[in-house]
Amino acid sequence: MGDNRPRVLLLYTGGTIGMKNADESNPASPLVPIPNGKELIKGIPQLEAIKMNLIEFDIAKLKDKRGREMEPLDSSDINADHWAAMARAIADNYDDWDGFVLLHGTDTMAYTASALSFMLMNLAKPVVVTGSQLSLTDIRTDGIQNLVNALYVAGWKATGLPLVPEVTVCFADRLLRGNRVRKLSTSSWQGFGSPNYPPIGEIGEHIRIHPNRIRPPADNERAPFFVRETLSPNVMEFGLFPGLSPSALREVLELEEVQGVVLRTFGAGNAPGDPAFLDVIEDAVGKGKVIVNVTQCPEGQVEAGLYEASSGLLERGVISGLDMTPEAALTKLMSQLEYEVDREAVRLAMQVDLRGEQTESLFEVRYPGLSQEIGGPLTVGGQPGRQFSPDKLSQAMLRATSLRAGGKASGKVRIFINSTGSNAGTPTTDPGYAGIFDLEKPLYCEVTAACRRMMGVSEKINITLVSEDDATLSFDSLSLALFTR
């Protein structure tokens, strides 16, 4: 039986689950990591029963680049070097083990789970991150159950559970996608949540996994597993707050080493309309810095351009982080800046779903400003990135800035998509008719239906604007946001 048991490797990084009192005779003394992982799990009846009857497992420390063991530590001290060590450990043991469980502290668990999801390429095996609110040495610990459940998920071949070939967090009564996780409580058994994605599994009397919520495994015969070990350190996260000084923000963004910023904004991606603030943002984007807009709210997503308060960021080249968590956005940005040389490639990748970190992908087609000397239709063309799939289109939104008809911000302008020959006389029953801009209202129009009808006619997406009174047209910028699922 032992020869047929799945093999799971436990990687001990430290954290509360592996803590003990510095003075074991004094329960009020500070908690410090237990240095020996084998000592940590020794004598736990549940683990001994699993090892005897279900799953073969072993526990190991992380190693640095020279192969020296790294001591377990509080997760507040975790950094990119430790993520690299975790990725190396999985890569070095990938062929010999069926699954992996990381014992990790809760404070930075969401960052680690997100980072690993972007570092582990072509993953086809479970990588389960777990920890606890109370150490294994505590009489009331939640760590034993969390560890047992994590072993069950990683050792799926023996436990009858579906394969979950991605980085997950197993905590309390839920199995969550790693790059969707946020720490929500310092004290509740349910310390983690996944506000914008449902649990991959629920854990109660039985463990119930939802196969339709799991990403498919990579075919390692055709696409071998490998790791992207290094991440760019040239990133930062900055939260907006009322009264933020633009000059203080400028000092930070002008630092040469800062190449990418996760900007935590208000609500659905809103920010101050102060020209001084927006000038700082525009200057930073103009210097090639990638700024990603994520919401400060635990739940929901950035909807750039929905409110006027987010338009300023959109018009100055800030890209939408959609419904990514700040932890996922930051670690994804670290990965993309490290491995993509071209900034436009980074910008595109940050809006495309790579590991299930966001519900939708966003492809933007930006059209430069134009103006006419005589009346008639005005047509501009552009095309989304190569990864765009028209058949997956869920929504298309067109936005214009400073659109004028006859030099005035009044009147109505019709919108046509890939409809050649459109003019003031073209009826709204034309297949390419997409909607209308009322120049006295926000210039933001949903054009989904027309895009679905007309895409595929050409690789380009041509936008034709027609003034209803055939006046001359001009605009500062035009952008088409294409969302896919």
Protein backbone atom coordinates (compact mmCIF):
# COMPACT_ATOMS: atom_id res chain seq x y z
CA MET A 1 0.00 0.00 0.00
CA GLY A 2 2.82 2.37 0.88
CA ASP A 3 4.23 2.21 -2.65
CA ASN A 4 0.92 3.44 -4.05
CA ARG A 5 0.40 6.31 -1.67
CA PRO A 6 0.67 9.82 -3.11
CA ARG A 7 3.64 11.82 -1.89
CA VAL A 8 3.25 15.32 -0.49
CA LEU A 9 6.14 17.56 0.50
CA LEU A 10 5.60 20.01 3.36
CA LEU A 11 7.70 23.17 3.13
CA TYR A 12 8.15 24.82 6.50
CA THR A 13 8.61 28.59 6.25
CA GLY A 14 7.60 29.55 9.79
CA GLY A 15 4.62 31.61 10.92
CA THR A 16 2.24 31.26 13.84
CA ILE A 17 1.58 27.60 13.08
CA GLY A 18 5.22 26.85 13.96
CA MET A 19 5.59 29.14 16.96
CA LYS A 20 6.29 28.42 20.61
CA ASN A 21 6.89 30.57 23.66
CA ALA A 22 10.47 31.79 23.90
CA ASP A 23 10.35 30.74 27.56
CA GLU A 24 8.34 27.53 27.60
CA SER A 25 7.76 27.92 31.32
CA ASN A 26 6.22 31.35 30.78
CA PRO A 27 3.08 31.35 28.57
CA ALA A 28 3.24 35.16 28.43
CA SER A 29 6.70 35.19 26.81
CA PRO A 30 6.96 36.19 23.11
CA LEU A 31 6.33 33.62 20.40
CA VAL A 32 9.33 32.48 18.36
CA PRO A 33 9.60 29.94 15.50
CA ILE A 34 10.29 26.29 16.26
CA PRO A 35 13.48 25.67 14.22
CA ASN A 36 12.93 21.97 13.44
CA GLY A 37 10.00 21.13 11.20
CA LYS A 38 10.07 17.44 12.03
CA GLU A 39 9.87 18.30 15.69
CA LEU A 40 6.95 20.60 14.92
CA ILE A 41 4.69 17.85 13.53
CA LYS A 42 5.99 14.99 15.66
CA GLY A 43 3.44 13.19 17.80
CA ILE A 44 0.28 14.63 16.24
CA PRO A 45 -2.09 11.61 16.05
CA GLN A 46 -4.00 12.86 12.99
CA LEU A 47 -0.80 13.28 10.97
CA GLU A 48 0.54 9.89 12.03
CA ALA A 49 -2.73 8.27 10.93
CA ILE A 50 -2.60 10.03 7.55
CA LYS A 51 0.99 8.94 6.99
CA MET A 52 0.23 5.36 7.90
CA ASN A 53 -2.97 4.97 5.91
CA LEU A 54 -3.29 7.60 3.18
CA ILE A 55 -0.43 9.87 2.19
CA GLU A 56 3.32 9.64 2.39
CA PHE A 57 4.73 13.01 3.37
CA ASP A 58 7.88 14.65 4.60
CA ILE A 59 8.76 18.13 5.82
CA ALA A 60 11.69 20.31 4.76
CA LYS A 61 13.02 23.80 5.26
CA LEU A 62 13.61 26.26 2.48
CA LYS A 63 17.12 26.61 1.07
CA ASP A 64 18.95 29.65 -0.24
CA LYS A 65 20.72 29.79 -3.60
CA ARG A 66 23.80 28.12 -2.11
CA GLY A 67 21.77 25.20 -0.80
CA ARG A 68 21.96 26.27 2.84
CA GLU A 69 18.87 25.78 4.97
CA MET A 70 16.92 28.94 5.77
CA GLU A 71 15.58 29.29 9.27
CA PRO A 72 11.80 29.59 9.72
CA LEU A 73 10.63 33.10 10.45
CA ASP A 74 7.67 35.29 11.20
CA SER A 75 5.84 35.97 7.94
CA SER A 76 6.25 39.72 8.44
CA ASP A 77 9.86 39.13 7.36
CA ILE A 78 8.93 37.31 4.15
CA ASN A 79 10.30 38.92 0.97
CA ALA A 80 10.98 38.07 -2.67
CA ASP A 81 14.06 36.02 -1.73
CA HIS A 82 11.84 33.69 0.28
CA TRP A 83 9.34 33.44 -2.57
CA ALA A 84 12.23 32.48 -4.83
CA ALA A 85 13.29 29.81 -2.32
CA MET A 86 9.75 28.43 -2.22
CA ALA A 87 9.57 28.32 -6.02
CA ARG A 88 13.00 26.62 -6.21
CA ALA A 89 11.97 24.03 -3.63
CA ILE A 90 8.89 23.15 -5.64
CA ALA A 91 10.89 23.04 -8.90
CA ASP A 92 13.63 20.87 -7.38
CA ASN A 93 11.09 18.37 -6.08
CA TYR A 94 8.38 18.68 -8.72
CA ASP A 95 8.98 15.35 -10.43
CA ASP A 96 9.23 13.35 -7.20
CA TRP A 97 6.19 14.59 -5.30
CA ASP A 98 2.48 14.65 -6.16
CA GLY A 99 1.64 17.81 -4.24
CA PHE A 100 3.04 20.50 -1.99
CA VAL A 101 1.90 22.16 1.24
CA LEU A 102 3.49 25.36 2.52
CA LEU A 103 3.30 26.10 6.24
CA HIS A 104 3.23 29.88 6.34
CA GLY A 105 2.37 32.79 8.62
CA THR A 106 -0.90 34.60 8.07
CA ASP A 107 0.32 38.20 7.85
CA THR A 108 1.77 37.90 4.34
CA MET A 109 0.09 34.69 3.23
CA ALA A 110 -2.00 36.49 0.59
CA TYR A 111 1.15 38.05 -0.91
CA THR A 112 2.95 34.70 -0.99
CA ALA A 113 0.03 32.81 -2.55
CA SER A 114 -0.34 35.51 -5.21
CA ALA A 115 3.38 35.69 -5.95
CA LEU A 116 3.73 31.93 -6.34
CA SER A 117 0.79 31.81 -8.72
CA PHE A 118 2.78 34.01 -11.15
CA MET A 119 6.15 32.34 -10.49
CA LEU A 120 5.10 28.70 -11.02
CA MET A 121 4.74 28.22 -14.76
CA ASN A 122 2.73 25.37 -16.33
CA LEU A 123 1.62 24.08 -12.96
CA ALA A 124 -0.15 20.70 -12.98
CA LYS A 125 0.02 19.77 -9.28
CA PRO A 126 -1.55 21.16 -6.09
CA VAL A 127 0.34 23.81 -4.14
CA VAL A 128 -1.57 24.48 -0.93
CA VAL A 129 -0.64 27.27 1.47
CA THR A 130 -1.88 27.00 5.04
CA GLY A 131 -1.21 28.26 8.54
CA SER A 132 -3.13 28.99 11.69
CA GLN A 133 -4.29 31.64 14.10
CA LEU A 134 -2.91 29.65 17.07
CA SER A 135 0.32 27.66 17.04
CA LEU A 136 0.39 23.86 16.96
CA THR A 137 1.69 23.98 20.53
CA ASP A 138 -1.49 25.71 21.72
CA ILE A 139 -4.14 23.43 23.23
CA ARG A 140 -6.87 25.16 21.19
CA THR A 141 -4.92 25.33 17.95
CA ASP A 142 -6.68 25.51 14.61
CA GLY A 143 -3.43 24.50 12.94
CA ILE A 144 -3.92 20.74 13.08
CA GLN A 145 -7.20 20.82 11.19
CA ASN A 146 -5.87 23.30 8.65
CA LEU A 147 -2.81 21.14 8.02
CA VAL A 148 -4.85 17.94 7.77
CA ASN A 149 -7.23 19.55 5.26
CA ALA A 150 -4.32 20.90 3.23
CA LEU A 151 -2.79 17.41 3.09
CA TYR A 152 -6.11 16.02 1.90
CA VAL A 153 -6.23 18.54 -0.97
CA ALA A 154 -2.57 18.04 -1.94
CA GLY A 155 -2.88 14.25 -1.61
CA TRP A 156 -5.99 14.11 -3.77
CA LYS A 157 -5.06 10.78 -5.31
CA ALA A 158 -5.68 9.06 -1.98
CA THR A 159 -8.56 11.15 -0.64
CA GLY A 160 -10.88 10.98 -3.64
CA LEU A 161 -10.92 14.73 -4.15
CA PRO A 162 -10.60 16.38 -7.58
CA LEU A 163 -7.17 17.59 -8.64
CA VAL A 164 -6.68 21.30 -7.85
CA PRO A 165 -3.60 22.17 -9.97
CA GLU A 166 -3.08 25.72 -8.78
CA VAL A 167 -1.87 27.70 -5.80
CA THR A 168 -4.56 27.74 -3.13
CA VAL A 169 -5.00 28.80 0.48
CA CYS A 170 -6.60 26.25 2.79
CA PHE A 171 -7.83 27.91 5.95
CA ALA A 172 -10.66 27.10 8.36
CA ASP A 173 -13.62 25.84 6.35
CA ARG A 174 -12.63 27.00 2.87
CA LEU A 175 -10.22 26.35 0.03
CA LEU A 176 -9.54 29.61 -1.82
CA ARG A 177 -7.70 30.56 -5.00
CA GLY A 178 -4.36 31.93 -3.83
CA ASN A 179 -4.28 35.10 -5.93
CA ARG A 180 -7.83 36.01 -4.86
CA VAL A 181 -7.17 35.82 -1.13
CA ARG A 182 -7.15 38.65 1.41
CA LYS A 183 -6.53 38.47 5.14
CA LEU A 184 -9.72 39.72 6.75
CA SER A 185 -9.26 38.97 10.44
CA THR A 186 -6.43 38.68 12.95
CA SER A 187 -8.48 36.57 15.35
CA SER A 188 -11.32 34.70 13.62
CA TRP A 189 -10.77 31.08 12.60
CA GLN A 190 -11.94 32.26 9.18
CA GLY A 191 -9.01 34.62 8.85
CA PHE A 192 -9.12 34.77 5.04
CA GLY A 193 -11.68 35.55 2.41
CA SER A 194 -11.96 35.73 -1.36
CA PRO A 195 -14.31 38.67 -1.92
CA ASN A 196 -14.40 38.60 -5.72
CA TYR A 197 -14.25 34.87 -6.42
CA PRO A 198 -16.21 32.04 -4.79
CA PRO A 199 -14.38 29.38 -2.76
CA ILE A 200 -12.87 26.53 -4.74
CA GLY A 201 -13.99 24.25 -1.94
CA GLU A 202 -15.94 24.15 1.30
CA ILE A 203 -14.69 22.14 4.25
CA GLY A 204 -17.05 20.71 6.83
CA GLU A 205 -17.97 17.15 7.65
CA HIS A 206 -16.94 16.51 4.05
CA ILE A 207 -14.58 18.40 1.74
CA ARG A 208 -16.51 19.59 -1.30
CA ILE A 209 -14.46 20.82 -4.27
CA HIS A 210 -16.12 22.70 -7.15
CA PRO A 211 -14.46 21.46 -10.37
CA ASN A 212 -16.00 24.27 -12.45
CA ARG A 213 -14.07 26.83 -10.38
CA ILE A 214 -10.67 25.21 -10.92
CA ARG A 215 -8.20 26.14 -13.64
CA PRO A 216 -7.22 23.17 -15.83
CA PRO A 217 -3.81 21.54 -15.27
CA ALA A 218 -1.00 22.25 -17.68
CA ASP A 219 0.05 19.42 -19.98
CA ASN A 220 3.60 18.92 -18.70
CA GLU A 221 4.37 16.57 -21.58
CA ARG A 222 4.01 19.49 -24.00
CA ALA A 223 4.63 22.39 -21.63
CA PRO A 224 7.16 21.43 -18.95
CA PHE A 225 6.90 22.97 -15.52
CA PHE A 226 9.40 25.72 -14.71
CA VAL A 227 9.67 28.71 -12.41
CA ARG A 228 10.26 32.40 -12.89
CA GLU A 229 12.43 32.76 -9.86
CA THR A 230 13.09 36.49 -9.73
CA LEU A 231 10.71 39.40 -9.34
CA SER A 232 11.31 43.09 -9.91
CA PRO A 233 11.81 45.04 -6.68
CA ASN A 234 11.08 48.33 -8.44
CA VAL A 235 7.46 48.57 -7.39
CA MET A 236 5.45 50.23 -4.71
CA GLU A 237 1.88 50.43 -3.47
CA PHE A 238 0.30 53.77 -2.67
CA GLY A 239 -3.11 54.42 -1.14
CA LEU A 240 -5.05 57.60 -1.83
CA PHE A 241 -6.53 59.52 1.09
CA PRO A 242 -8.39 62.82 1.43
CA GLY A 243 -5.93 65.70 1.48
CA LEU A 244 -3.08 63.85 -0.24
CA SER A 245 -0.30 66.28 -1.17
CA PRO A 246 0.52 66.12 -4.90
CA SER A 247 4.07 67.30 -4.19
CA ALA A 248 4.63 64.41 -1.77
CA LEU A 249 3.33 61.94 -4.36
CA ARG A 250 5.59 63.50 -6.99
CA GLU A 251 8.66 62.96 -4.81
CA VAL A 252 7.84 59.27 -4.59
CA LEU A 253 6.98 58.75 -8.26
CA GLU A 254 10.08 60.59 -9.45
CA LEU A 255 12.33 58.04 -7.75
CA GLU A 256 14.22 56.35 -10.58
CA GLU A 257 13.92 52.89 -9.03
CA VAL A 258 10.12 53.08 -8.94
CA GLN A 259 8.97 51.60 -12.27
CA GLY A 260 5.53 50.34 -11.30
CA VAL A 261 2.89 51.49 -8.86
CA VAL A 262 -0.30 49.90 -7.55
CA LEU A 263 -2.54 52.86 -6.78
CA ARG A 264 -5.31 52.05 -4.31
CA THR A 265 -8.15 54.41 -5.19
CA PHE A 266 -11.59 55.20 -3.82
CA GLY A 267 -14.69 53.21 -4.71
CA ALA A 268 -14.87 52.07 -8.32
CA GLY A 269 -11.44 53.52 -9.14
CA ASN A 270 -12.02 57.17 -8.30
CA ALA A 271 -9.39 59.78 -7.51
CA PRO A 272 -9.19 63.55 -6.93
CA GLY A 273 -9.74 65.79 -9.93
CA ASP A 274 -7.12 68.24 -8.66
CA PRO A 275 -5.06 69.28 -11.73
CA ALA A 276 -1.86 69.25 -9.66
CA PHE A 277 -2.50 65.63 -8.66
CA LEU A 278 -3.36 64.57 -12.21
CA ASP A 279 -0.25 66.32 -13.56
CA VAL A 280 1.88 64.17 -11.25
CA ILE A 281 0.21 61.02 -12.57
CA GLU A 282 0.55 62.12 -16.19
CA ASP A 283 4.24 62.92 -15.77
CA ALA A 284 4.94 59.52 -14.20
CA VAL A 285 3.12 57.63 -16.97
CA GLY A 286 4.92 59.76 -19.55
CA LYS A 287 8.24 58.59 -18.12
CA GLY A 288 7.27 54.96 -18.72
CA LYS A 289 6.08 54.09 -15.22
CA VAL A 290 3.19 51.60 -15.10
CA ILE A 291 0.42 52.67 -12.74
CA VAL A 292 -2.32 50.15 -11.96
CA ASN A 293 -5.61 51.28 -10.45
CA VAL A 294 -7.17 48.96 -7.85
CA THR A 295 -9.96 49.74 -5.44
CA GLN A 296 -9.45 50.17 -1.71
CA CYS A 297 -12.76 48.36 -1.15
CA PRO A 298 -12.51 44.70 -0.15
CA GLU A 299 -15.16 43.76 -2.72
CA GLY A 300 -15.96 45.02 -6.21
CA GLN A 301 -13.83 46.32 -9.04
CA VAL A 302 -12.42 49.35 -10.78
CA GLU A 303 -14.74 50.69 -13.48
CA ALA A 304 -12.56 53.32 -15.08
CA GLY A 305 -14.58 56.11 -16.64
CA LEU A 306 -17.86 55.15 -14.96
CA TYR A 307 -17.59 58.25 -12.79
CA GLU A 308 -16.01 61.54 -13.77
CA ALA A 309 -13.75 61.11 -10.73
CA SER A 310 -11.99 58.19 -12.42
CA SER A 311 -11.82 59.75 -15.87
CA GLY A 312 -8.74 61.80 -15.07
CA LEU A 313 -6.69 58.69 -14.30
CA LEU A 314 -7.98 56.89 -17.40
CA GLU A 315 -7.16 59.80 -19.68
CA ARG A 316 -3.62 60.02 -18.30
CA GLY A 317 -2.74 56.42 -19.01
CA VAL A 318 -3.45 54.72 -15.67
CA ILE A 319 -4.56 51.15 -16.37
CA SER A 320 -7.39 49.32 -14.66
CA GLY A 321 -6.67 46.52 -12.22
CA LEU A 322 -10.33 45.44 -12.55
CA ASP A 323 -11.17 43.23 -9.55
CA MET A 324 -7.63 42.16 -8.63
CA THR A 325 -6.66 42.31 -4.98
CA PRO A 326 -3.85 44.73 -4.13
CA GLU A 327 -1.68 41.71 -3.26
CA ALA A 328 -2.27 40.09 -6.65
CA ALA A 329 -1.79 43.37 -8.53
CA LEU A 330 1.51 44.06 -6.77
CA THR A 331 3.04 40.61 -7.27
CA LYS A 332 1.78 40.39 -10.86
CA LEU A 333 3.37 43.77 -11.57
CA MET A 334 6.65 42.57 -10.00
CA SER A 335 6.59 39.56 -12.32
CA GLN A 336 5.71 41.45 -15.49
CA LEU A 337 8.29 44.19 -14.96
CA GLU A 338 10.96 41.53 -14.48
CA TYR A 339 10.19 39.48 -17.59
CA GLU A 340 8.70 41.95 -20.08
CA VAL A 341 11.10 44.49 -21.58
CA ASP A 342 8.49 46.54 -23.42
CA ARG A 343 6.30 48.71 -21.18
CA GLU A 344 3.30 48.32 -23.48
CA ALA A 345 3.58 44.55 -23.07
CA VAL A 346 3.52 45.05 -19.29
CA ARG A 347 0.47 47.29 -19.56
CA LEU A 348 -1.34 44.73 -21.69
CA ALA A 349 -0.46 41.79 -19.44
CA MET A 350 -1.61 43.65 -16.34
CA GLN A 351 -5.13 43.82 -17.78
CA VAL A 352 -5.24 40.24 -19.05
CA ASP A 353 -6.23 37.33 -16.81
CA LEU A 354 -3.15 35.09 -16.50
CA ARG A 355 -3.82 32.86 -13.47
CA GLY A 356 -7.44 33.45 -12.57
CA GLU A 357 -6.49 36.59 -10.64
CA GLN A 358 -9.22 38.66 -12.27
CA THR A 359 -12.70 37.90 -13.52
CA GLU A 360 -12.32 39.61 -16.87
CA SER A 361 -9.56 40.64 -19.23
CA LEU A 362 -9.50 44.18 -20.56
CA PHE A 363 -8.14 45.10 -24.00
CA GLU A 364 -7.95 48.79 -24.74
CA VAL A 365 -7.86 50.32 -28.19
CA ARG A 366 -6.75 53.94 -27.95
CA TYR A 367 -7.33 56.31 -30.85
CA PRO A 368 -5.40 59.59 -31.08
CA GLY A 369 -7.21 62.92 -31.10
CA LEU A 370 -8.43 64.25 -34.47
CA SER A 371 -10.29 67.24 -35.86
CA GLN A 372 -11.98 68.05 -39.18
CA GLU A 373 -11.92 71.16 -41.32
CA ILE A 374 -15.18 70.26 -43.05
CA GLY A 375 -18.23 68.32 -41.91
CA GLY A 376 -19.02 64.66 -42.48
CA PRO A 377 -18.18 61.34 -40.81
CA LEU A 378 -14.92 60.97 -38.93
CA THR A 379 -13.34 57.47 -38.92
CA VAL A 380 -10.40 56.17 -36.90
CA GLY A 381 -8.98 52.65 -36.80
CA GLY A 382 -7.07 50.50 -34.34
CA GLN A 383 -6.81 46.93 -33.12
CA PRO A 384 -6.56 45.16 -29.77
CA GLY A 385 -3.72 42.89 -28.68
CA ARG A 386 -3.17 39.50 -30.29
CA GLN A 387 -4.58 37.72 -27.22
CA PHE A 388 -8.00 39.27 -27.74
CA SER A 389 -10.72 36.74 -28.64
CA PRO A 390 -13.86 38.32 -30.15
CA ASP A 391 -15.92 35.25 -29.26
CA LYS A 392 -15.23 35.89 -25.55
CA LEU A 393 -16.39 39.51 -25.64
CA SER A 394 -18.62 40.30 -22.66
CA GLN A 395 -18.79 44.09 -22.82
CA ALA A 396 -17.46 46.96 -24.92
CA MET A 397 -17.37 50.57 -23.76
CA LEU A 398 -16.39 53.61 -25.85
CA ARG A 399 -15.23 56.82 -24.23
CA ALA A 400 -14.39 60.19 -25.78
CA THR A 401 -12.80 63.27 -24.25
CA SER A 402 -13.52 66.81 -25.37
CA LEU A 403 -15.75 65.69 -28.24
CA ARG A 404 -17.13 68.70 -30.14
CA ALA A 405 -19.56 69.10 -33.02
CA GLY A 406 -19.15 72.36 -34.89
CA GLY A 407 -16.86 73.50 -32.10
CA LYS A 408 -19.66 73.13 -29.53
CA ALA A 409 -20.22 70.76 -26.64
CA SER A 410 -23.86 70.33 -27.62
CA GLY A 411 -25.80 68.17 -30.04
CA LYS A 412 -25.63 64.44 -30.69
CA VAL A 413 -23.07 62.25 -32.42
CA ARG A 414 -23.85 58.77 -33.70
CA ILE A 415 -21.34 55.92 -33.31
CA PHE A 416 -20.78 53.17 -35.89
CA ILE A 417 -18.46 50.14 -35.58
CA ASN A 418 -16.78 48.69 -38.71
CA SER A 419 -19.51 50.14 -40.87
CA THR A 420 -18.07 51.55 -44.08
CA GLY A 421 -19.82 54.47 -45.71
CA SER A 422 -21.71 55.61 -42.63
CA ASN A 423 -22.96 59.18 -42.79
CA ALA A 424 -25.64 61.46 -41.36
CA GLY A 425 -28.24 59.62 -43.41
CA THR A 426 -27.32 56.11 -42.25
CA PRO A 427 -30.24 54.74 -40.20
CA THR A 428 -29.90 53.41 -36.66
CA THR A 429 -31.04 50.02 -38.04
CA ASP A 430 -27.65 49.65 -39.74
CA PRO A 431 -25.79 46.61 -38.26
CA GLY A 432 -22.83 48.81 -37.43
CA TYR A 433 -24.82 51.34 -35.44
CA ALA A 434 -23.51 51.24 -31.88
CA GLY A 435 -25.07 54.09 -29.97
CA ILE A 436 -25.00 57.82 -29.53
CA PHE A 437 -22.98 60.44 -27.69
CA ASP A 438 -25.06 63.26 -26.21
CA LEU A 439 -22.44 65.98 -25.97
CA GLU A 440 -24.11 67.53 -22.94
CA LYS A 441 -23.69 64.32 -20.95
CA PRO A 442 -20.66 62.16 -19.97
CA LEU A 443 -19.13 60.79 -23.16
CA TYR A 444 -19.24 57.15 -22.21
CA CYS A 445 -21.27 54.68 -24.27
CA GLU A 446 -21.76 50.92 -24.21
CA VAL A 447 -21.22 49.53 -27.71
CA THR A 448 -21.27 45.80 -26.95
CA ALA A 449 -24.04 44.75 -29.33
CA ALA A 450 -22.50 46.44 -32.38
CA CYS A 451 -19.04 45.05 -31.58
CA ARG A 452 -20.44 41.54 -31.41
CA ARG A 453 -22.20 41.99 -34.75
CA MET A 454 -19.34 43.63 -36.61
CA MET A 455 -16.14 42.17 -35.15
CA GLY A 456 -14.43 39.68 -37.38
CA VAL A 457 -15.17 41.76 -40.47
CA SER A 458 -11.66 43.18 -40.11
CA GLU A 459 -8.71 42.80 -37.79
CA LYS A 460 -9.06 46.49 -37.14
CA ILE A 461 -11.87 48.03 -35.17
CA ASN A 462 -12.95 51.17 -37.01
CA ILE A 463 -14.95 53.77 -35.12
CA THR A 464 -16.99 56.20 -37.20
CA LEU A 465 -18.47 59.28 -35.58
CA VAL A 466 -21.25 61.14 -37.39
CA SER A 467 -22.76 64.42 -36.23
CA GLU A 468 -26.54 64.37 -36.65
CA ASP A 469 -26.41 67.84 -38.22
CA ASP A 470 -23.29 66.99 -40.29
CA ALA A 471 -21.14 69.45 -38.33
CA THR A 472 -17.35 69.25 -38.14
CA LEU A 473 -16.06 66.94 -35.40
CA SER A 474 -13.06 66.97 -33.10
CA PHE A 475 -11.95 65.09 -30.00
CA ASP A 476 -8.88 64.92 -27.79
CA SER A 477 -8.95 61.15 -27.35
CA LEU A 478 -11.10 58.13 -28.00
CA SER A 479 -10.73 54.78 -26.24
CA LEU A 480 -12.53 51.47 -26.66
CA ALA A 481 -12.49 49.10 -23.70
CA LEU A 482 -13.10 45.46 -24.63
CA PHE A 483 -13.86 43.08 -21.77
CA THR A 484 -13.61 39.31 -22.24
CA ARG A 485 -14.45 36.42 -19.94
